[in-house]
PDB file of N, CA and C in Angstrom:
ATOM      1  N   UNK A   1     119.424 138.899 165.463  1.00  0.00           N
ATOM      2  CA  UNK A   1     119.765 137.745 164.661  1.00  0.00           C
ATOM      3  C   UNK A   1     118.518 136.913 164.348  1.00  0.00           C
ATOM      4  N   UNK A   2     117.652 136.727 165.339  1.00  0.00           N
ATOM      5  CA  UNK A   2     116.425 135.962 165.123  1.00  0.00           C
ATOM      6  C   UNK A   2     115.552 136.635 164.066  1.00  0.00           C
ATOM      7  N   UNK A   3     115.527 137.966 164.086  1.00  0.00           N
ATOM      8  CA  UNK A   3     114.715 138.692 163.106  1.00  0.00           C
ATOM      9  C   UNK A   3     115.253 138.490 161.692  1.00  0.00           C
ATOM     10  N   UNK A   4     116.560 138.434 161.550  1.00  0.00           N
ATOM     11  CA  UNK A   4     117.161 138.225 160.233  1.00  0.00           C
ATOM     12  C   UNK A   4     116.817 136.834 159.708  1.00  0.00           C
ATOM     13  N   UNK A   5     116.962 135.839 160.577  1.00  0.00           N
ATOM     14  CA  UNK A   5     116.641 134.465 160.179  1.00  0.00           C
ATOM     15  C   UNK A   5     115.163 134.351 159.824  1.00  0.00           C
ATOM     16  N   UNK A   6     114.299 134.938 160.613  1.00  0.00           N
ATOM     17  CA  UNK A   6     112.869 134.917 160.341  1.00  0.00           C
ATOM     18  C   UNK A   6     112.558 135.606 159.016  1.00  0.00           C
ATOM     19  N   UNK A   7     113.184 136.751 158.778  1.00  0.00           N
ATOM     20  CA  UNK A   7     112.975 137.488 157.531  1.00  0.00           C
ATOM     21  C   UNK A   7     113.425 136.648 156.340  1.00  0.00           C
ATOM     22  N   UNK A   8     114.569 135.993 156.444  1.00  0.00           N
ATOM     23  CA  UNK A   8     115.066 135.157 155.353  1.00  0.00           C
ATOM     24  C   UNK A   8     114.122 133.983 155.089  1.00  0.00           C
ATOM     25  N   UNK A   9     113.635 133.368 156.143  1.00  0.00           N
ATOM     26  CA  UNK A   9     112.718 132.245 155.998  1.00  0.00           C
ATOM     27  C   UNK A   9     111.434 132.690 155.290  1.00  0.00           C
ATOM     28  N   UNK A  10     110.877 133.785 155.729  1.00  0.00           N
ATOM     29  CA  UNK A  10     109.639 134.304 155.124  1.00  0.00           C
ATOM     30  C   UNK A  10     109.879 134.686 153.670  1.00  0.00           C
ATOM     31  N   UNK A  11     111.007 135.301 153.382  1.00  0.00           N
ATOM     32  CA  UNK A  11     111.333 135.686 152.009  1.00  0.00           C
ATOM     33  C   UNK A  11     111.434 134.470 151.099  1.00  0.00           C
ATOM     34  N   UNK A  12     112.121 133.441 151.563  1.00  0.00           N
ATOM     35  CA  UNK A  12     112.246 132.222 150.777  1.00  0.00           C
ATOM     36  C   UNK A  12     110.909 131.528 150.590  1.00  0.00           C
ATOM     37  N   UNK A  13     110.085 131.532 151.619  1.00  0.00           N
ATOM     38  CA  UNK A  13     108.765 130.920 151.532  1.00  0.00           C
ATOM     39  C   UNK A  13     107.933 131.595 150.455  1.00  0.00           C
ATOM     40  N   UNK A  14     107.871 132.916 150.493  1.00  0.00           N
ATOM     41  CA  UNK A  14     107.061 133.638 149.511  1.00  0.00           C
ATOM     42  C   UNK A  14     107.660 133.572 148.119  1.00  0.00           C
ATOM     43  N   UNK A  15     108.969 133.521 148.005  1.00  0.00           N
ATOM     44  CA  UNK A  15     109.603 133.380 146.713  1.00  0.00           C
ATOM     45  C   UNK A  15     109.240 132.030 146.108  1.00  0.00           C
ATOM     46  N   UNK A  16     109.265 130.993 146.923  1.00  0.00           N
ATOM     47  CA  UNK A  16     108.928 129.646 146.453  1.00  0.00           C
ATOM     48  C   UNK A  16     107.471 129.504 146.067  1.00  0.00           C
ATOM     49  N   UNK A  17     106.600 130.312 146.644  1.00  0.00           N
ATOM     50  CA  UNK A  17     105.172 130.243 146.347  1.00  0.00           C
ATOM     51  C   UNK A  17     104.758 131.265 145.296  1.00  0.00           C
ATOM     52  N   UNK A  18     105.697 131.925 144.722  1.00  0.00           N
ATOM     53  CA  UNK A  18     105.406 132.991 143.765  1.00  0.00           C
ATOM     54  C   UNK A  18     104.656 132.456 142.555  1.00  0.00           C
ATOM     55  N   UNK A  19     103.722 133.229 142.054  1.00  0.00           N
ATOM     56  CA  UNK A  19     102.987 132.838 140.855  1.00  0.00           C
ATOM     57  C   UNK A  19     103.857 132.957 139.618  1.00  0.00           C
ATOM     58  N   UNK A  20     105.039 133.537 139.768  1.00  0.00           N
ATOM     59  CA  UNK A  20     105.966 133.636 138.649  1.00  0.00           C
ATOM     60  C   UNK A  20     106.555 132.279 138.291  1.00  0.00           C
ATOM     61  N   UNK A  21     106.472 131.304 139.195  1.00  0.00           N
ATOM     62  CA  UNK A  21     106.983 129.967 138.906  1.00  0.00           C
ATOM     63  C   UNK A  21     106.128 129.335 137.820  1.00  0.00           C
ATOM     64  N   UNK A  22     106.774 128.718 136.836  1.00  0.00           N
ATOM     65  CA  UNK A  22     106.054 128.059 135.751  1.00  0.00           C
ATOM     66  C   UNK A  22     105.534 126.712 136.217  1.00  0.00           C
ATOM     67  N   UNK A  23     104.373 126.303 135.674  1.00  0.00           N
ATOM     68  CA  UNK A  23     103.937 124.928 135.930  1.00  0.00           C
ATOM     69  C   UNK A  23     105.003 123.965 135.381  1.00  0.00           C
ATOM     70  N   UNK A  24     105.146 122.813 135.996  1.00  0.00           N
ATOM     71  CA  UNK A  24     106.195 121.862 135.618  1.00  0.00           C
ATOM     72  C   UNK A  24     106.148 121.519 134.139  1.00  0.00           C
ATOM     73  N   UNK A  25     104.968 121.403 133.578  1.00  0.00           N
ATOM     74  CA  UNK A  25     104.859 120.950 132.198  1.00  0.00           C
ATOM     75  C   UNK A  25     105.373 121.989 131.207  1.00  0.00           C
ATOM     76  N   UNK A  26     105.279 123.262 131.543  1.00  0.00           N
ATOM     77  CA  UNK A  26     105.796 124.278 130.628  1.00  0.00           C
ATOM     78  C   UNK A  26     107.310 124.194 130.502  1.00  0.00           C
ATOM     79  N   UNK A  27     107.979 123.923 131.599  1.00  0.00           N
ATOM     80  CA  UNK A  27     109.436 123.786 131.550  1.00  0.00           C
ATOM     81  C   UNK A  27     109.844 122.578 130.707  1.00  0.00           C
ATOM     82  N   UNK A  28     109.126 121.478 130.843  1.00  0.00           N
ATOM     83  CA  UNK A  28     109.417 120.286 130.046  1.00  0.00           C
ATOM     84  C   UNK A  28     109.153 120.578 128.576  1.00  0.00           C
ATOM     85  N   UNK A  29     108.055 121.266 128.281  1.00  0.00           N
ATOM     86  CA  UNK A  29     107.698 121.567 126.897  1.00  0.00           C
ATOM     87  C   UNK A  29     108.715 122.480 126.215  1.00  0.00           C
ATOM     88  N   UNK A  30     109.404 123.295 126.982  1.00  0.00           N
ATOM     89  CA  UNK A  30     110.435 124.162 126.412  1.00  0.00           C
ATOM     90  C   UNK A  30     111.691 123.382 126.039  1.00  0.00           C
ATOM     91  N   UNK A  31     111.919 122.254 126.682  1.00  0.00           N
ATOM     92  CA  UNK A  31     113.166 121.513 126.517  1.00  0.00           C
ATOM     93  C   UNK A  31     113.042 120.253 125.665  1.00  0.00           C
ATOM     94  N   UNK A  32     111.860 119.697 125.568  1.00  0.00           N
ATOM     95  CA  UNK A  32     111.711 118.390 124.940  1.00  0.00           C
ATOM     96  C   UNK A  32     110.651 118.401 123.847  1.00  0.00           C
ATOM     97  N   UNK A  33     110.747 117.423 122.949  1.00  0.00           N
ATOM     98  CA  UNK A  33     109.685 117.216 121.984  1.00  0.00           C
ATOM     99  C   UNK A  33     108.572 116.462 122.696  1.00  0.00           C
ATOM    100  N   UNK A  34     107.337 116.809 122.385  1.00  0.00           N
ATOM    101  CA  UNK A  34     106.222 116.222 123.122  1.00  0.00           C
ATOM    102  C   UNK A  34     104.980 116.090 122.243  1.00  0.00           C
ATOM    103  N   UNK A  35     104.045 115.318 122.746  1.00  0.00           N
ATOM    104  CA  UNK A  35     102.713 115.168 122.159  1.00  0.00           C
ATOM    105  C   UNK A  35     101.714 115.386 123.281  1.00  0.00           C
ATOM    106  N   UNK A  36     100.688 116.186 122.997  1.00  0.00           N
ATOM    107  CA  UNK A  36      99.610 116.389 123.972  1.00  0.00           C
ATOM    108  C   UNK A  36      98.391 115.626 123.482  1.00  0.00           C
ATOM    109  N   UNK A  37      97.829 114.818 124.374  1.00  0.00           N
ATOM    110  CA  UNK A  37      96.646 114.024 124.021  1.00  0.00           C
ATOM    111  C   UNK A  37      95.478 114.441 124.898  1.00  0.00           C
ATOM    112  N   UNK A  38      94.397 114.821 124.247  1.00  0.00           N
ATOM    113  CA  UNK A  38      93.128 115.099 124.906  1.00  0.00           C
ATOM    114  C   UNK A  38      92.380 113.771 124.927  1.00  0.00           C
ATOM    115  N   UNK A  39      92.168 113.211 126.103  1.00  0.00           N
ATOM    116  CA  UNK A  39      91.572 111.879 126.205  1.00  0.00           C
ATOM    117  C   UNK A  39      90.058 111.925 126.427  1.00  0.00           C
ATOM    118  N   UNK A  40      89.478 113.112 126.227  1.00  0.00           N
ATOM    119  CA  UNK A  40      88.019 113.238 126.350  1.00  0.00           C
ATOM    120  C   UNK A  40      87.348 112.705 125.088  1.00  0.00           C
ATOM    121  N   UNK A  41      86.029 112.776 125.053  1.00  0.00           N
ATOM    122  CA  UNK A  41      85.281 112.341 123.875  1.00  0.00           C
ATOM    123  C   UNK A  41      85.527 113.294 122.713  1.00  0.00           C
ATOM    124  N   UNK A  42      85.206 112.841 121.511  1.00  0.00           N
ATOM    125  CA  UNK A  42      85.361 113.689 120.326  1.00  0.00           C
ATOM    126  C   UNK A  42      84.521 114.962 120.448  1.00  0.00           C
ATOM    127  N   UNK A  43      83.329 114.853 121.010  1.00  0.00           N
ATOM    128  CA  UNK A  43      82.458 116.019 121.171  1.00  0.00           C
ATOM    129  C   UNK A  43      83.086 117.035 122.132  1.00  0.00           C
ATOM    130  N   UNK A  44      83.652 116.565 123.229  1.00  0.00           N
ATOM    131  CA  UNK A  44      84.315 117.454 124.178  1.00  0.00           C
ATOM    132  C   UNK A  44      85.517 118.131 123.525  1.00  0.00           C
ATOM    133  N   UNK A  45      86.273 117.364 122.768  1.00  0.00           N
ATOM    134  CA  UNK A  45      87.451 117.894 122.073  1.00  0.00           C
ATOM    135  C   UNK A  45      87.036 119.006 121.108  1.00  0.00           C
ATOM    136  N   UNK A  46      85.983 118.762 120.344  1.00  0.00           N
ATOM    137  CA  UNK A  46      85.522 119.753 119.368  1.00  0.00           C
ATOM    138  C   UNK A  46      85.004 121.023 120.031  1.00  0.00           C
ATOM    139  N   UNK A  47      84.564 120.934 121.272  1.00  0.00           N
ATOM    140  CA  UNK A  47      84.045 122.114 121.963  1.00  0.00           C
ATOM    141  C   UNK A  47      85.165 123.006 122.494  1.00  0.00           C
ATOM    142  N   UNK A  48      86.398 122.555 122.413  1.00  0.00           N
ATOM    143  CA  UNK A  48      87.557 123.321 122.852  1.00  0.00           C
ATOM    144  C   UNK A  48      88.631 122.386 123.352  1.00  0.00           C
ATOM    145  N   UNK A  49      89.877 122.688 122.997  1.00  0.00           N
ATOM    146  CA  UNK A  49      90.999 121.835 123.398  1.00  0.00           C
ATOM    147  C   UNK A  49      92.285 122.645 123.412  1.00  0.00           C
ATOM    148  N   UNK A  50      93.324 122.065 123.972  1.00  0.00           N
ATOM    149  CA  UNK A  50      94.638 122.696 123.985  1.00  0.00           C
ATOM    150  C   UNK A  50      95.153 122.741 122.552  1.00  0.00           C
ATOM    151  N   UNK A  51      95.709 123.894 122.177  1.00  0.00           N
ATOM    152  CA  UNK A  51      96.234 124.059 120.827  1.00  0.00           C
ATOM    153  C   UNK A  51      97.301 123.004 120.557  1.00  0.00           C
ATOM    154  N   UNK A  52      97.146 122.298 119.445  1.00  0.00           N
ATOM    155  CA  UNK A  52      98.095 121.268 119.049  1.00  0.00           C
ATOM    156  C   UNK A  52      97.815 119.889 119.617  1.00  0.00           C
ATOM    157  N   UNK A  53      96.820 119.780 120.487  1.00  0.00           N
ATOM    158  CA  UNK A  53      96.494 118.478 121.079  1.00  0.00           C
ATOM    159  C   UNK A  53      95.809 117.581 120.056  1.00  0.00           C
ATOM    160  N   UNK A  54      96.064 116.289 120.178  1.00  0.00           N
ATOM    161  CA  UNK A  54      95.343 115.318 119.373  1.00  0.00           C
ATOM    162  C   UNK A  54      94.309 114.645 120.268  1.00  0.00           C
ATOM    163  N   UNK A  55      93.247 114.163 119.669  1.00  0.00           N
ATOM    164  CA  UNK A  55      92.177 113.538 120.435  1.00  0.00           C
ATOM    165  C   UNK A  55      92.263 112.023 120.315  1.00  0.00           C
ATOM    166  N   UNK A  56      92.517 111.370 121.435  1.00  0.00           N
ATOM    167  CA  UNK A  56      92.453 109.914 121.526  1.00  0.00           C
ATOM    168  C   UNK A  56      91.681 109.612 122.803  1.00  0.00           C
ATOM    169  N   UNK A  57      90.380 109.276 122.684  1.00  0.00           N
ATOM    170  CA  UNK A  57      89.595 108.972 123.885  1.00  0.00           C
ATOM    171  C   UNK A  57      90.278 107.897 124.728  1.00  0.00           C
ATOM    172  N   UNK A  58      90.248 108.090 126.037  1.00  0.00           N
ATOM    173  CA  UNK A  58      91.018 107.230 126.954  1.00  0.00           C
ATOM    174  C   UNK A  58      90.711 105.755 126.802  1.00  0.00           C
ATOM    175  N   UNK A  59      89.460 105.406 126.498  1.00  0.00           N
ATOM    176  CA  UNK A  59      89.104 103.987 126.424  1.00  0.00           C
ATOM    177  C   UNK A  59      89.668 103.315 125.168  1.00  0.00           C
ATOM    178  N   UNK A  60      90.195 104.106 124.218  1.00  0.00           N
ATOM    179  CA  UNK A  60      90.781 103.522 123.010  1.00  0.00           C
ATOM    180  C   UNK A  60      92.303 103.377 123.112  1.00  0.00           C
ATOM    181  N   UNK A  61      92.874 103.845 124.203  1.00  0.00           N
ATOM    182  CA  UNK A  61      94.329 103.736 124.373  1.00  0.00           C
ATOM    183  C   UNK A  61      94.650 102.340 124.893  1.00  0.00           C
ATOM    184  N   UNK A  62      95.369 101.594 124.064  1.00  0.00           N
ATOM    185  CA  UNK A  62      95.771 100.242 124.430  1.00  0.00           C
ATOM    186  C   UNK A  62      97.103  99.927 123.765  1.00  0.00           C
ATOM    187  N   UNK A  63      97.490  98.671 123.744  1.00  0.00           N
ATOM    188  CA  UNK A  63      98.788  98.290 123.187  1.00  0.00           C
ATOM    189  C   UNK A  63      98.915  98.606 121.700  1.00  0.00           C
ATOM    190  N   UNK A  64      97.812  98.859 121.015  1.00  0.00           N
ATOM    191  CA  UNK A  64      97.842  99.171 119.590  1.00  0.00           C
ATOM    192  C   UNK A  64      98.004 100.660 119.295  1.00  0.00           C
ATOM    193  N   UNK A  65      98.058 101.489 120.334  1.00  0.00           N
ATOM    194  CA  UNK A  65      98.220 102.922 120.120  1.00  0.00           C
ATOM    195  C   UNK A  65      99.591 103.161 119.474  1.00  0.00           C
ATOM    196  N   UNK A  66      99.623 104.038 118.474  1.00  0.00           N
ATOM    197  CA  UNK A  66     100.848 104.254 117.715  1.00  0.00           C
ATOM    198  C   UNK A  66     101.384 105.659 117.981  1.00  0.00           C
ATOM    199  N   UNK A  67     102.189 105.802 119.033  1.00  0.00           N
ATOM    200  CA  UNK A  67     102.776 107.085 119.398  1.00  0.00           C
ATOM    201  C   UNK A  67     104.298 106.967 119.381  1.00  0.00           C
ATOM    202  N   UNK A  68     104.953 108.091 119.180  1.00  0.00           N
ATOM    203  CA  UNK A  68     106.409 108.138 119.150  1.00  0.00           C
ATOM    204  C   UNK A  68     106.963 108.003 120.569  1.00  0.00           C
ATOM    205  N   UNK A  69     107.662 106.927 120.841  1.00  0.00           N
ATOM    206  CA  UNK A  69     108.210 106.697 122.181  1.00  0.00           C
ATOM    207  C   UNK A  69     109.395 107.601 122.487  1.00  0.00           C
ATOM    208  N   UNK A  70     109.885 108.325 121.492  1.00  0.00           N
ATOM    209  CA  UNK A  70     110.981 109.270 121.709  1.00  0.00           C
ATOM    210  C   UNK A  70     110.469 110.595 122.273  1.00  0.00           C
ATOM    211  N   UNK A  71     109.176 110.836 122.153  1.00  0.00           N
ATOM    212  CA  UNK A  71     108.586 112.084 122.631  1.00  0.00           C
ATOM    213  C   UNK A  71     107.939 111.895 124.001  1.00  0.00           C
ATOM    214  N   UNK A  72     107.941 112.960 124.776  1.00  0.00           N
ATOM    215  CA  UNK A  72     107.215 112.973 126.040  1.00  0.00           C
ATOM    216  C   UNK A  72     105.728 113.135 125.714  1.00  0.00           C
ATOM    217  N   UNK A  73     104.893 112.408 126.409  1.00  0.00           N
ATOM    218  CA  UNK A  73     103.451 112.451 126.198  1.00  0.00           C
ATOM    219  C   UNK A  73     102.799 113.160 127.382  1.00  0.00           C
ATOM    220  N   UNK A  74     101.879 114.077 127.087  1.00  0.00           N
ATOM    221  CA  UNK A  74     101.068 114.732 128.105  1.00  0.00           C
ATOM    222  C   UNK A  74      99.616 114.365 127.833  1.00  0.00           C
ATOM    223  N   UNK A  75      98.879 114.018 128.880  1.00  0.00           N
ATOM    224  CA  UNK A  75      97.456 113.702 128.735  1.00  0.00           C
ATOM    225  C   UNK A  75      96.635 114.605 129.646  1.00  0.00           C
ATOM    226  N   UNK A  76      95.431 114.927 129.180  1.00  0.00           N
ATOM    227  CA  UNK A  76      94.496 115.684 130.015  1.00  0.00           C
ATOM    228  C   UNK A  76      93.077 115.292 129.642  1.00  0.00           C
ATOM    229  N   UNK A  77      92.139 115.605 130.531  1.00  0.00           N
ATOM    230  CA  UNK A  77      90.723 115.372 130.284  1.00  0.00           C
ATOM    231  C   UNK A  77      89.946 116.525 130.914  1.00  0.00           C
ATOM    232  N   UNK A  78      88.721 116.303 131.293  1.00  0.00           N
ATOM    233  CA  UNK A  78      87.925 117.371 131.894  1.00  0.00           C
ATOM    234  C   UNK A  78      88.289 117.592 133.355  1.00  0.00           C
ATOM    235  N   UNK A  79      88.385 116.519 134.124  1.00  0.00           N
ATOM    236  CA  UNK A  79      88.595 116.668 135.565  1.00  0.00           C
ATOM    237  C   UNK A  79      89.846 115.973 136.092  1.00  0.00           C
ATOM    238  N   UNK A  80      90.437 115.091 135.309  1.00  0.00           N
ATOM    239  CA  UNK A  80      91.614 114.359 135.752  1.00  0.00           C
ATOM    240  C   UNK A  80      91.394 112.876 135.934  1.00  0.00           C
ATOM    241  N   UNK A  81      90.156 112.430 135.932  1.00  0.00           N
ATOM    242  CA  UNK A  81      89.865 111.008 136.144  1.00  0.00           C
ATOM    243  C   UNK A  81      90.284 110.172 134.940  1.00  0.00           C
ATOM    244  N   UNK A  82      89.835 110.561 133.757  1.00  0.00           N
ATOM    245  CA  UNK A  82      90.165 109.795 132.548  1.00  0.00           C
ATOM    246  C   UNK A  82      91.642 109.923 132.186  1.00  0.00           C
ATOM    247  N   UNK A  83      92.223 111.098 132.446  1.00  0.00           N
ATOM    248  CA  UNK A  83      93.650 111.263 132.138  1.00  0.00           C
ATOM    249  C   UNK A  83      94.504 110.379 133.045  1.00  0.00           C
ATOM    250  N   UNK A  84      94.043 110.143 134.249  1.00  0.00           N
ATOM    251  CA  UNK A  84      94.782 109.256 135.162  1.00  0.00           C
ATOM    252  C   UNK A  84      94.791 107.829 134.623  1.00  0.00           C
ATOM    253  N   UNK A  85      93.670 107.392 134.078  1.00  0.00           N
ATOM    254  CA  UNK A  85      93.585 106.053 133.488  1.00  0.00           C
ATOM    255  C   UNK A  85      94.502 105.977 132.264  1.00  0.00           C
ATOM    256  N   UNK A  86      94.441 107.000 131.403  1.00  0.00           N
ATOM    257  CA  UNK A  86      95.290 107.037 130.208  1.00  0.00           C
ATOM    258  C   UNK A  86      96.767 107.071 130.594  1.00  0.00           C
ATOM    259  N   UNK A  87      97.095 107.847 131.608  1.00  0.00           N
ATOM    260  CA  UNK A  87      98.469 107.930 132.105  1.00  0.00           C
ATOM    261  C   UNK A  87      98.978 106.548 132.497  1.00  0.00           C
ATOM    262  N   UNK A  88      98.195 105.840 133.284  1.00  0.00           N
ATOM    263  CA  UNK A  88      98.606 104.518 133.759  1.00  0.00           C
ATOM    264  C   UNK A  88      98.801 103.556 132.592  1.00  0.00           C
ATOM    265  N   UNK A  89      97.881 103.574 131.643  1.00  0.00           N
ATOM    266  CA  UNK A  89      97.975 102.692 130.486  1.00  0.00           C
ATOM    267  C   UNK A  89      99.240 102.992 129.683  1.00  0.00           C
ATOM    268  N   UNK A  90      99.464 104.280 129.386  1.00  0.00           N
ATOM    269  CA  UNK A  90     100.635 104.658 128.592  1.00  0.00           C
ATOM    270  C   UNK A  90     101.940 104.370 129.334  1.00  0.00           C
ATOM    271  N   UNK A  91     101.960 104.618 130.625  1.00  0.00           N
ATOM    272  CA  UNK A  91     103.150 104.337 131.440  1.00  0.00           C
ATOM    273  C   UNK A  91     103.468 102.842 131.385  1.00  0.00           C
ATOM    274  N   UNK A  92     102.431 102.011 131.523  1.00  0.00           N
ATOM    275  CA  UNK A  92     102.617 100.559 131.460  1.00  0.00           C
ATOM    276  C   UNK A  92     103.102 100.092 130.083  1.00  0.00           C
ATOM    277  N   UNK A  93     102.802 100.877 129.042  1.00  0.00           N
ATOM    278  CA  UNK A  93     103.239 100.545 127.686  1.00  0.00           C
ATOM    279  C   UNK A  93     104.647 101.069 127.387  1.00  0.00           C
ATOM    280  N   UNK A  94     105.260 101.746 128.357  1.00  0.00           N
ATOM    281  CA  UNK A  94     106.638 102.177 128.202  1.00  0.00           C
ATOM    282  C   UNK A  94     106.850 103.605 127.738  1.00  0.00           C
ATOM    283  N   UNK A  95     105.796 104.402 127.735  1.00  0.00           N
ATOM    284  CA  UNK A  95     105.921 105.797 127.327  1.00  0.00           C
ATOM    285  C   UNK A  95     106.361 106.669 128.508  1.00  0.00           C
ATOM    286  N   UNK A  96     107.038 107.768 128.192  1.00  0.00           N
ATOM    287  CA  UNK A  96     107.311 108.806 129.175  1.00  0.00           C
ATOM    288  C   UNK A  96     106.090 109.709 129.136  1.00  0.00           C
ATOM    289  N   UNK A  97     105.306 109.699 130.192  1.00  0.00           N
ATOM    290  CA  UNK A  97     104.002 110.368 130.166  1.00  0.00           C
ATOM    291  C   UNK A  97     103.772 111.152 131.447  1.00  0.00           C
ATOM    292  N   UNK A  98     103.061 112.272 131.301  1.00  0.00           N
ATOM    293  CA  UNK A  98     102.663 113.102 132.431  1.00  0.00           C
ATOM    294  C   UNK A  98     101.169 113.362 132.347  1.00  0.00           C
ATOM    295  N   UNK A  99     100.521 113.306 133.488  1.00  0.00           N
ATOM    296  CA  UNK A  99      99.093 113.581 133.585  1.00  0.00           C
ATOM    297  C   UNK A  99      98.915 115.052 133.949  1.00  0.00           C
ATOM    298  N   UNK A 100      98.327 115.825 133.040  1.00  0.00           N
ATOM    299  CA  UNK A 100      98.106 117.254 133.283  1.00  0.00           C
ATOM    300  C   UNK A 100      96.817 117.523 134.040  1.00  0.00           C
ATOM    301  N   UNK A 101      95.975 116.517 134.196  1.00  0.00           N
ATOM    302  CA  UNK A 101      94.733 116.703 134.939  1.00  0.00           C
ATOM    303  C   UNK A 101      93.624 117.309 134.101  1.00  0.00           C
ATOM    304  N   UNK A 102      92.914 118.278 134.703  1.00  0.00           N
ATOM    305  CA  UNK A 102      91.731 118.856 134.086  1.00  0.00           C
ATOM    306  C   UNK A 102      92.006 119.997 133.122  1.00  0.00           C
ATOM    307  N   UNK A 103      91.247 120.030 132.051  1.00  0.00           N
ATOM    308  CA  UNK A 103      91.376 121.009 130.958  1.00  0.00           C
ATOM    309  C   UNK A 103      91.294 122.453 131.461  1.00  0.00           C
ATOM    310  N   UNK A 104      90.315 122.750 132.293  1.00  0.00           N
ATOM    311  CA  UNK A 104      90.102 124.131 132.722  1.00  0.00           C
ATOM    312  C   UNK A 104      91.247 124.708 133.531  1.00  0.00           C
ATOM    313  N   UNK A 105      92.029 123.862 134.182  1.00  0.00           N
ATOM    314  CA  UNK A 105      93.107 124.359 135.027  1.00  0.00           C
ATOM    315  C   UNK A 105      94.441 124.511 134.273  1.00  0.00           C
ATOM    316  N   UNK A 106      94.485 124.108 133.017  1.00  0.00           N
ATOM    317  CA  UNK A 106      95.728 124.168 132.270  1.00  0.00           C
ATOM    318  C   UNK A 106      96.054 125.580 131.821  1.00  0.00           C
ATOM    319  N   UNK A 107      97.291 125.968 131.983  1.00  0.00           N
ATOM    320  CA  UNK A 107      97.762 127.277 131.560  1.00  0.00           C
ATOM    321  C   UNK A 107      98.449 127.157 130.198  1.00  0.00           C
ATOM    322  N   UNK A 108      97.708 126.618 129.241  1.00  0.00           N
ATOM    323  CA  UNK A 108      98.195 126.448 127.884  1.00  0.00           C
ATOM    324  C   UNK A 108      97.209 127.097 126.929  1.00  0.00           C
ATOM    325  N   UNK A 109      97.718 127.485 125.749  1.00  0.00           N
ATOM    326  CA  UNK A 109      96.844 128.111 124.752  1.00  0.00           C
ATOM    327  C   UNK A 109      95.785 127.111 124.300  1.00  0.00           C
ATOM    328  N   UNK A 110      94.566 127.601 124.204  1.00  0.00           N
ATOM    329  CA  UNK A 110      93.441 126.732 123.830  1.00  0.00           C
ATOM    330  C   UNK A 110      92.775 127.245 122.570  1.00  0.00           C
ATOM    331  N   UNK A 111      92.130 126.328 121.868  1.00  0.00           N
ATOM    332  CA  UNK A 111      91.374 126.693 120.662  1.00  0.00           C
ATOM    333  C   UNK A 111      90.058 125.965 120.628  1.00  0.00           C
TER     334      UNK A 111
END
Protein backbone atom coordinates (compact mmCIF):
# COMPACT_ATOMS: atom_id res chain seq x y z
CA UNK A 1 0.00 0.00 0.00
CA UNK A 2 2.83 2.41 0.84
CA UNK A 3 4.40 1.72 -2.55
CA UNK A 4 1.15 2.57 -4.33
CA UNK A 5 0.77 5.84 -2.44
CA UNK A 6 4.41 6.72 -3.10
CA UNK A 7 4.02 5.89 -6.80
CA UNK A 8 0.89 8.05 -7.05
CA UNK A 9 2.61 10.95 -5.31
CA UNK A 10 5.64 10.76 -7.59
CA UNK A 11 3.43 10.48 -10.67
CA UNK A 12 1.43 13.55 -9.71
CA UNK A 13 4.58 15.48 -8.90
CA UNK A 14 6.14 14.80 -12.29
CA UNK A 15 2.87 15.41 -14.10
CA UNK A 16 2.58 18.81 -12.42
CA UNK A 17 6.15 19.69 -13.38
CA UNK A 18 5.76 18.56 -16.97
CA UNK A 19 7.06 20.88 -19.66
CA UNK A 20 3.80 20.20 -21.48
CA UNK A 21 2.12 22.71 -19.16
CA UNK A 22 1.57 26.05 -20.90
CA UNK A 23 2.88 29.26 -19.39
CA UNK A 24 0.01 31.10 -17.67
CA UNK A 25 -0.01 33.89 -20.23
CA UNK A 26 -0.62 31.58 -23.18
CA UNK A 27 -3.81 30.27 -21.61
CA UNK A 28 -5.04 33.82 -20.99
CA UNK A 29 -4.13 34.84 -24.55
CA UNK A 30 -6.23 31.98 -25.94
CA UNK A 31 -9.32 33.13 -24.03
CA UNK A 32 -9.16 36.92 -23.88
CA UNK A 33 -8.46 39.95 -26.02
CA UNK A 34 -5.13 41.45 -25.05
CA UNK A 35 -2.43 43.99 -25.81
CA UNK A 36 1.28 43.25 -25.41
CA UNK A 37 3.50 46.20 -24.54
CA UNK A 38 7.27 46.15 -24.90
CA UNK A 39 8.38 48.72 -22.33
CA UNK A 40 12.02 48.80 -23.46
CA UNK A 41 13.58 51.63 -25.45
CA UNK A 42 12.72 52.14 -29.11
CA UNK A 43 16.18 50.88 -30.08
CA UNK A 44 15.72 47.67 -28.07
CA UNK A 45 12.27 47.18 -29.59
CA UNK A 46 13.63 47.59 -33.12
CA UNK A 47 16.33 44.99 -32.45
CA UNK A 48 13.63 42.36 -31.83
CA UNK A 49 10.28 42.11 -30.08
CA UNK A 50 7.29 39.86 -29.51
CA UNK A 51 5.15 39.64 -32.63
CA UNK A 52 2.25 42.08 -32.34
CA UNK A 53 3.73 43.98 -29.40
CA UNK A 54 3.56 47.74 -29.29
CA UNK A 55 6.42 49.82 -27.93
CA UNK A 56 5.68 52.17 -25.04
CA UNK A 57 8.84 52.86 -23.00
CA UNK A 58 8.08 52.36 -19.30
CA UNK A 59 8.96 55.92 -18.29
CA UNK A 60 6.25 57.28 -20.64
CA UNK A 61 3.44 55.23 -19.09
CA UNK A 62 1.34 57.54 -16.96
CA UNK A 63 -2.27 58.64 -16.51
CA UNK A 64 -2.31 59.92 -20.11
CA UNK A 65 -1.65 56.49 -21.62
CA UNK A 66 -4.52 55.58 -23.94
CA UNK A 67 -5.15 51.82 -23.77
CA UNK A 68 -8.35 49.80 -24.00
CA UNK A 69 -9.40 48.95 -20.44
CA UNK A 70 -11.53 46.09 -21.80
CA UNK A 71 -8.40 44.22 -22.90
CA UNK A 72 -5.88 42.40 -20.74
CA UNK A 73 -2.47 44.08 -20.88
CA UNK A 74 0.83 42.18 -20.87
CA UNK A 75 4.13 44.00 -20.33
CA UNK A 76 7.71 42.84 -20.76
CA UNK A 77 11.21 44.29 -20.93
CA UNK A 78 14.74 42.91 -21.07
CA UNK A 79 15.10 41.55 -17.55
CA UNK A 80 11.85 42.28 -15.71
CA UNK A 81 12.83 45.45 -13.85
CA UNK A 82 11.17 47.99 -16.15
CA UNK A 83 8.16 45.76 -16.76
CA UNK A 84 7.59 45.60 -13.00
CA UNK A 85 7.46 49.40 -12.86
CA UNK A 86 5.10 49.51 -15.86
CA UNK A 87 2.94 46.79 -14.29
CA UNK A 88 2.56 48.76 -11.07
CA UNK A 89 1.72 51.98 -12.91
CA UNK A 90 -0.88 50.32 -15.14
CA UNK A 91 -2.39 48.38 -12.23
CA UNK A 92 -2.74 51.63 -10.27
CA UNK A 93 -4.49 53.17 -13.31
CA UNK A 94 -7.10 50.40 -13.25
CA UNK A 95 -5.90 48.11 -16.02
CA UNK A 96 -5.94 44.32 -15.89
CA UNK A 97 -2.22 43.75 -16.39
CA UNK A 98 0.33 40.95 -16.16
CA UNK A 99 4.09 41.29 -15.99
CA UNK A 100 5.74 38.78 -18.35
CA UNK A 101 9.24 39.65 -17.18
CA UNK A 102 12.24 39.35 -19.48
CA UNK A 103 12.08 39.16 -23.29
CA UNK A 104 14.50 36.25 -23.68
CA UNK A 105 12.49 33.95 -21.44
CA UNK A 106 9.17 34.45 -23.24
CA UNK A 107 7.77 31.53 -25.19
CA UNK A 108 6.05 33.75 -27.75
CA UNK A 109 6.70 34.31 -31.44
CA UNK A 110 9.26 37.06 -31.97
CA UNK A 111 10.18 39.28 -34.89
